[in-house]
PDB file of N, CA and C in Angstrom:
ATOM      1  N   MET A   1      83.644  94.773  10.296  1.00  0.00           N
ATOM      2  CA  MET A   1      83.663  96.133   9.800  1.00  0.00           C
ATOM      3  C   MET A   1      84.899  96.853  10.344  1.00  0.00           C
ATOM      4  N   GLN A   2      85.611  97.458   9.452  1.00  0.00           N
ATOM      5  CA  GLN A   2      86.833  98.169   9.821  1.00  0.00           C
ATOM      6  C   GLN A   2      86.514  99.632  10.094  1.00  0.00           C
ATOM      7  N   PRO A   3      87.069 100.187  11.170  1.00  0.00           N
ATOM      8  CA  PRO A   3      86.777 101.607  11.454  1.00  0.00           C
ATOM      9  C   PRO A   3      87.392 102.514  10.388  1.00  0.00           C
ATOM     10  N   GLY A   4      86.664 103.574  10.078  1.00  0.00           N
ATOM     11  CA  GLY A   4      87.135 104.528   9.086  1.00  0.00           C
ATOM     12  C   GLY A   4      88.045 105.582   9.693  1.00  0.00           C
ATOM     13  N   LEU A   5      88.500 106.476   8.840  1.00  0.00           N
ATOM     14  CA  LEU A   5      89.408 107.525   9.270  1.00  0.00           C
ATOM     15  C   LEU A   5      88.758 108.436  10.312  1.00  0.00           C
ATOM     16  N   TYR A   6      87.465 108.750  10.125  1.00  0.00           N
ATOM     17  CA  TYR A   6      86.802 109.653  11.057  1.00  0.00           C
ATOM     18  C   TYR A   6      86.659 109.026  12.443  1.00  0.00           C
ATOM     19  N   HIS A   7      86.453 107.719  12.501  1.00  0.00           N
ATOM     20  CA  HIS A   7      86.364 107.057  13.802  1.00  0.00           C
ATOM     21  C   HIS A   7      87.696 107.126  14.545  1.00  0.00           C
ATOM     22  N   ILE A   8      88.754 106.886  13.823  1.00  0.00           N
ATOM     23  CA  ILE A   8      90.082 106.915  14.446  1.00  0.00           C
ATOM     24  C   ILE A   8      90.440 108.343  14.868  1.00  0.00           C
ATOM     25  N   LEU A   9      90.099 109.318  14.036  1.00  0.00           N
ATOM     26  CA  LEU A   9      90.366 110.714  14.404  1.00  0.00           C
ATOM     27  C   LEU A   9      89.533 111.158  15.595  1.00  0.00           C
ATOM     28  N   PHE A  10      88.319 110.624  15.733  1.00  0.00           N
ATOM     29  CA  PHE A  10      87.500 110.939  16.899  1.00  0.00           C
ATOM     30  C   PHE A  10      88.149 110.394  18.172  1.00  0.00           C
ATOM     31  N   ILE A  11      88.641 109.173  18.130  1.00  0.00           N
ATOM     32  CA  ILE A  11      89.319 108.582  19.290  1.00  0.00           C
ATOM     33  C   ILE A  11      90.582 109.368  19.620  1.00  0.00           C
ATOM     34  N   SER A  12      91.322 109.750  18.599  1.00  0.00           N
ATOM     35  CA  SER A  12      92.546 110.521  18.809  1.00  0.00           C
ATOM     36  C   SER A  12      92.239 111.891  19.412  1.00  0.00           C
ATOM     37  N   THR A  13      91.187 112.530  18.940  1.00  0.00           N
ATOM     38  CA  THR A  13      90.798 113.829  19.486  1.00  0.00           C
ATOM     39  C   THR A  13      90.365 113.700  20.947  1.00  0.00           C
ATOM     40  N   ALA A  14      89.630 112.635  21.255  1.00  0.00           N
ATOM     41  CA  ALA A  14      89.215 112.414  22.640  1.00  0.00           C
ATOM     42  C   ALA A  14      90.440 112.206  23.534  1.00  0.00           C
ATOM     43  N   LEU A  15      91.401 111.405  23.089  1.00  0.00           N
ATOM     44  CA  LEU A  15      92.631 111.199  23.863  1.00  0.00           C
ATOM     45  C   LEU A  15      93.383 112.502  24.056  1.00  0.00           C
ATOM     46  N   PHE A  16      93.442 113.315  23.004  1.00  0.00           N
ATOM     47  CA  PHE A  16      94.149 114.588  23.092  1.00  0.00           C
ATOM     48  C   PHE A  16      93.531 115.486  24.160  1.00  0.00           C
ATOM     49  N   PHE A  17      92.215 115.637  24.128  1.00  0.00           N
ATOM     50  CA  PHE A  17      91.581 116.542  25.085  1.00  0.00           C
ATOM     51  C   PHE A  17      91.566 115.979  26.497  1.00  0.00           C
ATOM     52  N   ILE A  18      91.508 114.661  26.652  1.00  0.00           N
ATOM     53  CA  ILE A  18      91.649 114.060  27.978  1.00  0.00           C
ATOM     54  C   ILE A  18      93.046 114.348  28.519  1.00  0.00           C
ATOM     55  N   GLY A  19      94.065 114.248  27.660  1.00  0.00           N
ATOM     56  CA  GLY A  19      95.432 114.558  28.078  1.00  0.00           C
ATOM     57  C   GLY A  19      95.620 116.015  28.442  1.00  0.00           C
ATOM     58  N   VAL A  20      95.053 116.916  27.657  1.00  0.00           N
ATOM     59  CA  VAL A  20      95.157 118.353  27.962  1.00  0.00           C
ATOM     60  C   VAL A  20      94.433 118.674  29.265  1.00  0.00           C
ATOM     61  N   TYR A  21      93.253 118.081  29.457  1.00  0.00           N
ATOM     62  CA  TYR A  21      92.518 118.303  30.706  1.00  0.00           C
ATOM     63  C   TYR A  21      93.300 117.751  31.896  1.00  0.00           C
ATOM     64  N   GLY A  22      93.876 116.566  31.744  1.00  0.00           N
ATOM     65  CA  GLY A  22      94.667 115.989  32.821  1.00  0.00           C
ATOM     66  C   GLY A  22      95.896 116.815  33.146  1.00  0.00           C
ATOM     67  N   PHE A  23      96.508 117.399  32.135  1.00  0.00           N
ATOM     68  CA  PHE A  23      97.686 118.227  32.367  1.00  0.00           C
ATOM     69  C   PHE A  23      97.330 119.538  33.060  1.00  0.00           C
ATOM     70  N   LEU A  24      96.244 120.161  32.629  1.00  0.00           N
ATOM     71  CA  LEU A  24      95.896 121.479  33.153  1.00  0.00           C
ATOM     72  C   LEU A  24      95.161 121.445  34.494  1.00  0.00           C
ATOM     73  N   SER A  25      94.489 120.352  34.801  1.00  0.00           N
ATOM     74  CA  SER A  25      93.655 120.337  35.999  1.00  0.00           C
ATOM     75  C   SER A  25      94.326 119.704  37.210  1.00  0.00           C
ATOM     76  N   ARG A  26      95.413 118.993  37.040  1.00  0.00           N
ATOM     77  CA  ARG A  26      96.037 118.290  38.156  1.00  0.00           C
ATOM     78  C   ARG A  26      97.198 119.086  38.718  1.00  0.00           C
ATOM     79  N   ARG A  27      97.507 118.832  39.978  1.00  0.00           N
ATOM     80  CA  ARG A  27      98.648 119.464  40.632  1.00  0.00           C
ATOM     81  C   ARG A  27      99.748 118.462  40.938  1.00  0.00           C
ATOM     82  N   ASN A  28      99.503 117.202  40.673  1.00  0.00           N
ATOM     83  CA  ASN A  28     100.493 116.161  40.902  1.00  0.00           C
ATOM     84  C   ASN A  28     101.359 116.019  39.638  1.00  0.00           C
ATOM     85  N   LEU A  29     102.653 115.998  39.806  1.00  0.00           N
ATOM     86  CA  LEU A  29     103.534 115.950  38.637  1.00  0.00           C
ATOM     87  C   LEU A  29     103.420 114.644  37.862  1.00  0.00           C
ATOM     88  N   ILE A  30     103.135 113.539  38.536  1.00  0.00           N
ATOM     89  CA  ILE A  30     102.992 112.253  37.840  1.00  0.00           C
ATOM     90  C   ILE A  30     101.758 112.268  36.940  1.00  0.00           C
ATOM     91  N   THR A  31     100.638 112.785  37.436  1.00  0.00           N
ATOM     92  CA  THR A  31      99.441 112.833  36.595  1.00  0.00           C
ATOM     93  C   THR A  31      99.595 113.846  35.462  1.00  0.00           C
ATOM     94  N   MET A  32     100.370 114.886  35.683  1.00  0.00           N
ATOM     95  CA  MET A  32     100.647 115.826  34.591  1.00  0.00           C
ATOM     96  C   MET A  32     101.491 115.145  33.507  1.00  0.00           C
ATOM     97  N   LEU A  33     102.451 114.338  33.929  1.00  0.00           N
ATOM     98  CA  LEU A  33     103.259 113.583  32.971  1.00  0.00           C
ATOM     99  C   LEU A  33     102.394 112.587  32.197  1.00  0.00           C
ATOM    100  N   MET A  34     101.444 111.965  32.874  1.00  0.00           N
ATOM    101  CA  MET A  34     100.531 111.046  32.188  1.00  0.00           C
ATOM    102  C   MET A  34      99.676 111.780  31.154  1.00  0.00           C
ATOM    103  N   GLY A  35      99.283 113.010  31.456  1.00  0.00           N
ATOM    104  CA  GLY A  35      98.526 113.805  30.490  1.00  0.00           C
ATOM    105  C   GLY A  35      99.350 114.117  29.251  1.00  0.00           C
ATOM    106  N   ILE A  36     100.617 114.438  29.446  1.00  0.00           N
ATOM    107  CA  ILE A  36     101.499 114.699  28.299  1.00  0.00           C
ATOM    108  C   ILE A  36     101.665 113.435  27.459  1.00  0.00           C
ATOM    109  N   GLU A  37     101.777 112.297  28.109  1.00  0.00           N
ATOM    110  CA  GLU A  37     101.913 111.040  27.370  1.00  0.00           C
ATOM    111  C   GLU A  37     100.651 110.731  26.571  1.00  0.00           C
ATOM    112  N   LEU A  38      99.477 111.043  27.118  1.00  0.00           N
ATOM    113  CA  LEU A  38      98.238 110.846  26.364  1.00  0.00           C
ATOM    114  C   LEU A  38      98.196 111.729  25.126  1.00  0.00           C
ATOM    115  N   VAL A  39      98.660 112.955  25.242  1.00  0.00           N
ATOM    116  CA  VAL A  39      98.703 113.858  24.089  1.00  0.00           C
ATOM    117  C   VAL A  39      99.644 113.296  23.019  1.00  0.00           C
ATOM    118  N   LEU A  40     100.805 112.817  23.437  1.00  0.00           N
ATOM    119  CA  LEU A  40     101.751 112.249  22.468  1.00  0.00           C
ATOM    120  C   LEU A  40     101.197 110.985  21.813  1.00  0.00           C
ATOM    121  N   ASN A  41     100.466 110.171  22.575  1.00  0.00           N
ATOM    122  CA  ASN A  41      99.865 108.982  21.987  1.00  0.00           C
ATOM    123  C   ASN A  41      98.761 109.330  20.998  1.00  0.00           C
ATOM    124  N   SER A  42      98.030 110.409  21.251  1.00  0.00           N
ATOM    125  CA  SER A  42      97.017 110.823  20.274  1.00  0.00           C
ATOM    126  C   SER A  42      97.673 111.285  18.978  1.00  0.00           C
ATOM    127  N   VAL A  43      98.826 111.930  19.095  1.00  0.00           N
ATOM    128  CA  VAL A  43      99.569 112.331  17.892  1.00  0.00           C
ATOM    129  C   VAL A  43     100.026 111.097  17.122  1.00  0.00           C
ATOM    130  N   ASN A  44     100.475 110.076  17.837  1.00  0.00           N
ATOM    131  CA  ASN A  44     100.894 108.834  17.176  1.00  0.00           C
ATOM    132  C   ASN A  44      99.738 108.171  16.444  1.00  0.00           C
ATOM    133  N   ILE A  45      98.564 108.177  17.051  1.00  0.00           N
ATOM    134  CA  ILE A  45      97.394 107.603  16.383  1.00  0.00           C
ATOM    135  C   ILE A  45      97.081 108.378  15.110  1.00  0.00           C
ATOM    136  N   ASN A  46      97.213 109.703  15.138  1.00  0.00           N
ATOM    137  CA  ASN A  46      96.994 110.502  13.932  1.00  0.00           C
ATOM    138  C   ASN A  46      98.001 110.156  12.844  1.00  0.00           C
ATOM    139  N   PHE A  47      99.273 110.031  13.209  1.00  0.00           N
ATOM    140  CA  PHE A  47     100.287 109.669  12.210  1.00  0.00           C
ATOM    141  C   PHE A  47      99.958 108.335  11.543  1.00  0.00           C
ATOM    142  N   ILE A  48      99.595 107.353  12.339  1.00  0.00           N
ATOM    143  CA  ILE A  48      99.292 106.027  11.791  1.00  0.00           C
ATOM    144  C   ILE A  48      98.031 106.069  10.930  1.00  0.00           C
ATOM    145  N   ALA A  49      96.997 106.782  11.385  1.00  0.00           N
ATOM    146  CA  ALA A  49      95.745 106.847  10.624  1.00  0.00           C
ATOM    147  C   ALA A  49      95.941 107.551   9.292  1.00  0.00           C
ATOM    148  N   PHE A  50      96.639 108.681   9.306  1.00  0.00           N
ATOM    149  CA  PHE A  50      96.858 109.385   8.051  1.00  0.00           C
ATOM    150  C   PHE A  50      97.750 108.586   7.111  1.00  0.00           C
ATOM    151  N   ASN A  51      98.709 107.876   7.666  1.00  0.00           N
ATOM    152  CA  ASN A  51      99.566 107.041   6.832  1.00  0.00           C
ATOM    153  C   ASN A  51      98.754 105.914   6.191  1.00  0.00           C
ATOM    154  N   LYS A  52      97.855 105.311   6.959  1.00  0.00           N
ATOM    155  CA  LYS A  52      97.090 104.178   6.438  1.00  0.00           C
ATOM    156  C   LYS A  52      96.066 104.600   5.400  1.00  0.00           C
ATOM    157  N   TYR A  53      95.358 105.696   5.642  1.00  0.00           N
ATOM    158  CA  TYR A  53      94.246 106.061   4.771  1.00  0.00           C
ATOM    159  C   TYR A  53      94.622 107.026   3.650  1.00  0.00           C
ATOM    160  N   LEU A  54      95.638 107.848   3.825  1.00  0.00           N
ATOM    161  CA  LEU A  54      95.973 108.814   2.786  1.00  0.00           C
ATOM    162  C   LEU A  54      97.138 108.368   1.917  1.00  0.00           C
ATOM    163  N   TRP A  55      98.146 107.744   2.520  1.00  0.00           N
ATOM    164  CA  TRP A  55      99.305 107.263   1.778  1.00  0.00           C
ATOM    165  C   TRP A  55      99.607 105.826   2.181  1.00  0.00           C
ATOM    166  N   PRO A  56      98.794 104.874   1.720  1.00  0.00           N
ATOM    167  CA  PRO A  56      98.952 103.500   2.209  1.00  0.00           C
ATOM    168  C   PRO A  56     100.251 102.826   1.770  1.00  0.00           C
ATOM    169  N   GLY A  57     100.875 103.280   0.721  1.00  0.00           N
ATOM    170  CA  GLY A  57     102.088 102.625   0.252  1.00  0.00           C
ATOM    171  C   GLY A  57     103.364 103.163   0.861  1.00  0.00           C
ATOM    172  N   ARG A  58     103.264 104.214   1.636  1.00  0.00           N
ATOM    173  CA  ARG A  58     104.460 104.855   2.196  1.00  0.00           C
ATOM    174  C   ARG A  58     104.593 104.541   3.679  1.00  0.00           C
ATOM    175  N   MET A  59     105.782 104.780   4.206  1.00  0.00           N
ATOM    176  CA  MET A  59     106.069 104.456   5.597  1.00  0.00           C
ATOM    177  C   MET A  59     106.382 105.701   6.428  1.00  0.00           C
ATOM    178  N   ASP A  60     106.080 106.883   5.925  1.00  0.00           N
ATOM    179  CA  ASP A  60     106.439 108.116   6.622  1.00  0.00           C
ATOM    180  C   ASP A  60     105.775 108.219   7.996  1.00  0.00           C
ATOM    181  N   GLY A  61     104.486 107.915   8.087  1.00  0.00           N
ATOM    182  CA  GLY A  61     103.777 108.004   9.359  1.00  0.00           C
ATOM    183  C   GLY A  61     104.331 107.059  10.401  1.00  0.00           C
ATOM    184  N   LEU A  62     104.734 105.880   9.954  1.00  0.00           N
ATOM    185  CA  LEU A  62     105.307 104.911  10.897  1.00  0.00           C
ATOM    186  C   LEU A  62     106.649 105.385  11.433  1.00  0.00           C
ATOM    187  N   PHE A  63     107.459 105.974  10.576  1.00  0.00           N
ATOM    188  CA  PHE A  63     108.756 106.477  11.032  1.00  0.00           C
ATOM    189  C   PHE A  63     108.592 107.652  12.003  1.00  0.00           C
ATOM    190  N   PHE A  64     107.644 108.544  11.702  1.00  0.00           N
ATOM    191  CA  PHE A  64     107.386 109.646  12.626  1.00  0.00           C
ATOM    192  C   PHE A  64     106.884 109.119  13.969  1.00  0.00           C
ATOM    193  N   THR A  65     106.050 108.076  13.928  1.00  0.00           N
ATOM    194  CA  THR A  65     105.535 107.488  15.163  1.00  0.00           C
ATOM    195  C   THR A  65     106.659 106.884  15.988  1.00  0.00           C
ATOM    196  N   LEU A  66     107.558 106.172  15.361  1.00  0.00           N
ATOM    197  CA  LEU A  66     108.690 105.605  16.097  1.00  0.00           C
ATOM    198  C   LEU A  66     109.570 106.702  16.692  1.00  0.00           C
ATOM    199  N   PHE A  67     109.752 107.778  15.956  1.00  0.00           N
ATOM    200  CA  PHE A  67     110.534 108.904  16.468  1.00  0.00           C
ATOM    201  C   PHE A  67     109.858 109.528  17.689  1.00  0.00           C
ATOM    202  N   VAL A  68     108.534 109.728  17.626  1.00  0.00           N
ATOM    203  CA  VAL A  68     107.807 110.315  18.750  1.00  0.00           C
ATOM    204  C   VAL A  68     107.845 109.389  19.961  1.00  0.00           C
ATOM    205  N   ILE A  69     107.754 108.072  19.739  1.00  0.00           N
ATOM    206  CA  ILE A  69     107.828 107.125  20.852  1.00  0.00           C
ATOM    207  C   ILE A  69     109.201 107.194  21.515  1.00  0.00           C
ATOM    208  N   ALA A  70     110.242 107.295  20.730  1.00  0.00           N
ATOM    209  CA  ALA A  70     111.594 107.393  21.307  1.00  0.00           C
ATOM    210  C   ALA A  70     111.765 108.683  22.094  1.00  0.00           C
ATOM    211  N   ILE A  71     111.284 109.785  21.553  1.00  0.00           N
ATOM    212  CA  ILE A  71     111.376 111.061  22.261  1.00  0.00           C
ATOM    213  C   ILE A  71     110.540 111.029  23.542  1.00  0.00           C
ATOM    214  N   ALA A  72     109.357 110.410  23.489  1.00  0.00           N
ATOM    215  CA  ALA A  72     108.504 110.332  24.672  1.00  0.00           C
ATOM    216  C   ALA A  72     109.138 109.469  25.758  1.00  0.00           C
ATOM    217  N   ALA A  73     109.825 108.410  25.369  1.00  0.00           N
ATOM    218  CA  ALA A  73     110.496 107.569  26.359  1.00  0.00           C
ATOM    219  C   ALA A  73     111.632 108.331  27.038  1.00  0.00           C
ATOM    220  N   ALA A  74     112.398 109.072  26.263  1.00  0.00           N
ATOM    221  CA  ALA A  74     113.481 109.866  26.848  1.00  0.00           C
ATOM    222  C   ALA A  74     112.916 110.974  27.736  1.00  0.00           C
ATOM    223  N   GLU A  75     111.854 111.602  27.298  1.00  0.00           N
ATOM    224  CA  GLU A  75     111.222 112.662  28.087  1.00  0.00           C
ATOM    225  C   GLU A  75     110.670 112.117  29.396  1.00  0.00           C
ATOM    226  N   ALA A  76     110.058 110.945  29.348  1.00  0.00           N
ATOM    227  CA  ALA A  76     109.515 110.347  30.572  1.00  0.00           C
ATOM    228  C   ALA A  76     110.629 109.968  31.540  1.00  0.00           C
ATOM    229  N   ALA A  77     111.733 109.451  31.035  1.00  0.00           N
ATOM    230  CA  ALA A  77     112.847 109.076  31.912  1.00  0.00           C
ATOM    231  C   ALA A  77     113.429 110.305  32.608  1.00  0.00           C
ATOM    232  N   VAL A  78     113.610 111.380  31.880  1.00  0.00           N
ATOM    233  CA  VAL A  78     114.142 112.608  32.477  1.00  0.00           C
ATOM    234  C   VAL A  78     113.142 113.200  33.463  1.00  0.00           C
ATOM    235  N   ALA A  79     111.869 113.204  33.106  1.00  0.00           N
ATOM    236  CA  ALA A  79     110.851 113.769  33.995  1.00  0.00           C
ATOM    237  C   ALA A  79     110.733 112.970  35.286  1.00  0.00           C
ATOM    238  N   ILE A  80     110.786 111.664  35.201  1.00  0.00           N
ATOM    239  CA  ILE A  80     110.696 110.849  36.418  1.00  0.00           C
ATOM    240  C   ILE A  80     111.931 111.048  37.285  1.00  0.00           C
ATOM    241  N   ALA A  81     113.092 111.206  36.685  1.00  0.00           N
ATOM    242  CA  ALA A  81     114.296 111.492  37.477  1.00  0.00           C
ATOM    243  C   ALA A  81     114.166 112.831  38.207  1.00  0.00           C
ATOM    244  N   ILE A  82     113.633 113.829  37.531  1.00  0.00           N
ATOM    245  CA  ILE A  82     113.419 115.132  38.170  1.00  0.00           C
ATOM    246  C   ILE A  82     112.385 115.017  39.284  1.00  0.00           C
ATOM    247  N   ILE A  83     111.321 114.271  39.049  1.00  0.00           N
ATOM    248  CA  ILE A  83     110.283 114.100  40.068  1.00  0.00           C
ATOM    249  C   ILE A  83     110.832 113.367  41.290  1.00  0.00           C
ATOM    250  N   ILE A  84     111.654 112.353  41.086  1.00  0.00           N
ATOM    251  CA  ILE A  84     112.253 111.631  42.216  1.00  0.00           C
ATOM    252  C   ILE A  84     113.157 112.554  43.020  1.00  0.00           C
ATOM    253  N   ASN A  85     113.966 113.364  42.357  1.00  0.00           N
ATOM    254  CA  ASN A  85     114.814 114.314  43.082  1.00  0.00           C
ATOM    255  C   ASN A  85     113.990 115.363  43.826  1.00  0.00           C
ATOM    256  N   LEU A  86     112.896 115.811  43.221  1.00  0.00           N
ATOM    257  CA  LEU A  86     112.015 116.759  43.897  1.00  0.00           C
ATOM    258  C   LEU A  86     111.392 116.125  45.137  1.00  0.00           C
ATOM    259  N   TYR A  87     110.979 114.874  45.042  1.00  0.00           N
ATOM    260  CA  TYR A  87     110.388 114.201  46.191  1.00  0.00           C
ATOM    261  C   TYR A  87     111.415 113.997  47.308  1.00  0.00           C
ATOM    262  N   ARG A  88     112.637 113.672  46.936  1.00  0.00           N
ATOM    263  CA  ARG A  88     113.684 113.484  47.947  1.00  0.00           C
ATOM    264  C   ARG A  88     114.006 114.778  48.680  1.00  0.00           C
ATOM    265  N   SER A  89     113.959 115.886  47.977  1.00  0.00           N
ATOM    266  CA  SER A  89     114.324 117.148  48.625  1.00  0.00           C
ATOM    267  C   SER A  89     113.160 117.817  49.352  1.00  0.00           C
ATOM    268  N   HIS A  90     111.925 117.682  48.838  1.00  0.00           N
ATOM    269  CA  HIS A  90     110.787 118.394  49.423  1.00  0.00           C
ATOM    270  C   HIS A  90     109.718 117.479  50.013  1.00  0.00           C
ATOM    271  N   GLN A  91     109.860 116.163  49.897  1.00  0.00           N
ATOM    272  CA  GLN A  91     108.887 115.191  50.393  1.00  0.00           C
ATOM    273  C   GLN A  91     107.492 115.395  49.804  1.00  0.00           C
ATOM    274  N   SER A  92     107.428 115.911  48.581  1.00  0.00           N
ATOM    275  CA  SER A  92     106.155 116.131  47.916  1.00  0.00           C
ATOM    276  C   SER A  92     106.404 116.236  46.414  1.00  0.00           C
ATOM    277  N   ILE A  93     105.405 115.827  45.627  1.00  0.00           N
ATOM    278  CA  ILE A  93     105.505 116.001  44.168  1.00  0.00           C
ATOM    279  C   ILE A  93     104.403 116.938  43.685  1.00  0.00           C
ATOM    280  N   ASP A  94     104.011 117.849  44.546  1.00  0.00           N
ATOM    281  CA  ASP A  94     103.014 118.852  44.195  1.00  0.00           C
ATOM    282  C   ASP A  94     103.676 119.953  43.375  1.00  0.00           C
ATOM    283  N   VAL A  95     102.927 120.503  42.441  1.00  0.00           N
ATOM    284  CA  VAL A  95     103.459 121.548  41.569  1.00  0.00           C
ATOM    285  C   VAL A  95     103.818 122.794  42.366  1.00  0.00           C
ATOM    286  N   GLU A  96     103.036 123.087  43.391  1.00  0.00           N
ATOM    287  CA  GLU A  96     103.309 124.280  44.207  1.00  0.00           C
ATOM    288  C   GLU A  96     104.651 124.152  44.918  1.00  0.00           C
ATOM    289  N   GLU A  97     105.043 122.954  45.296  1.00  0.00           N
ATOM    290  CA  GLU A  97     106.345 122.737  45.926  1.00  0.00           C
ATOM    291  C   GLU A  97     107.485 122.922  44.922  1.00  0.00           C
ATOM    292  N   ALA A  98     107.216 122.652  43.657  1.00  0.00           N
ATOM    293  CA  ALA A  98     108.253 122.813  42.629  1.00  0.00           C
ATOM    294  C   ALA A  98     108.568 124.284  42.387  1.00  0.00           C
ATOM    295  N   GLU A  99     107.663 125.167  42.774  1.00  0.00           N
ATOM    296  CA  GLU A  99     107.925 126.608  42.645  1.00  0.00           C
ATOM    297  C   GLU A  99     109.140 127.020  43.463  1.00  0.00           C
ATOM    298  N   ALA A 100     109.416 126.300  44.553  1.00  0.00           N
ATOM    299  CA  ALA A 100     110.557 126.638  45.421  1.00  0.00           C
ATOM    300  C   ALA A 100     111.886 126.358  44.740  1.00  0.00           C
ATOM    301  N   LEU A 101     111.891 125.582  43.683  1.00  0.00           N
ATOM    302  CA  LEU A 101     113.135 125.270  42.986  1.00  0.00           C
ATOM    303  C   LEU A 101     113.635 126.437  42.153  1.00  0.00           C
ATOM    304  N   LYS A 102     112.819 127.447  41.942  1.00  0.00           N
ATOM    305  CA  LYS A 102     113.246 128.598  41.147  1.00  0.00           C
ATOM    306  C   LYS A 102     114.317 129.415  41.843  1.00  0.00           C
ATOM    307  N   TYR A 103     114.263 129.487  43.162  1.00  0.00           N
ATOM    308  CA  TYR A 103     115.115 130.400  43.900  1.00  0.00           C
ATOM    309  C   TYR A 103     116.290 129.695  44.512  1.00  0.00           C
TER     310      TYR A 103
END
């Protein structure tokens, strides 16, 4: 039995809210980055599901998914570089310590 569109959208919605909860409830920058990645992956699942079930002959959803994956990889690389520099300067990756970078 193949899962239907509603099953896939339910999984995507669960991933989205787990990512939002992880982003909003944590103070560690790495876990916040993981929450953002979960949100982006839920968006990718939506693109693929809508492409498969609504427009099966087209490739638009797949191209958008590849674009989002490329943007997420670049975003993760930049974020990890910033986190490493923050750890080197403050010996912590807590969000409260990042507040000191404003001044």
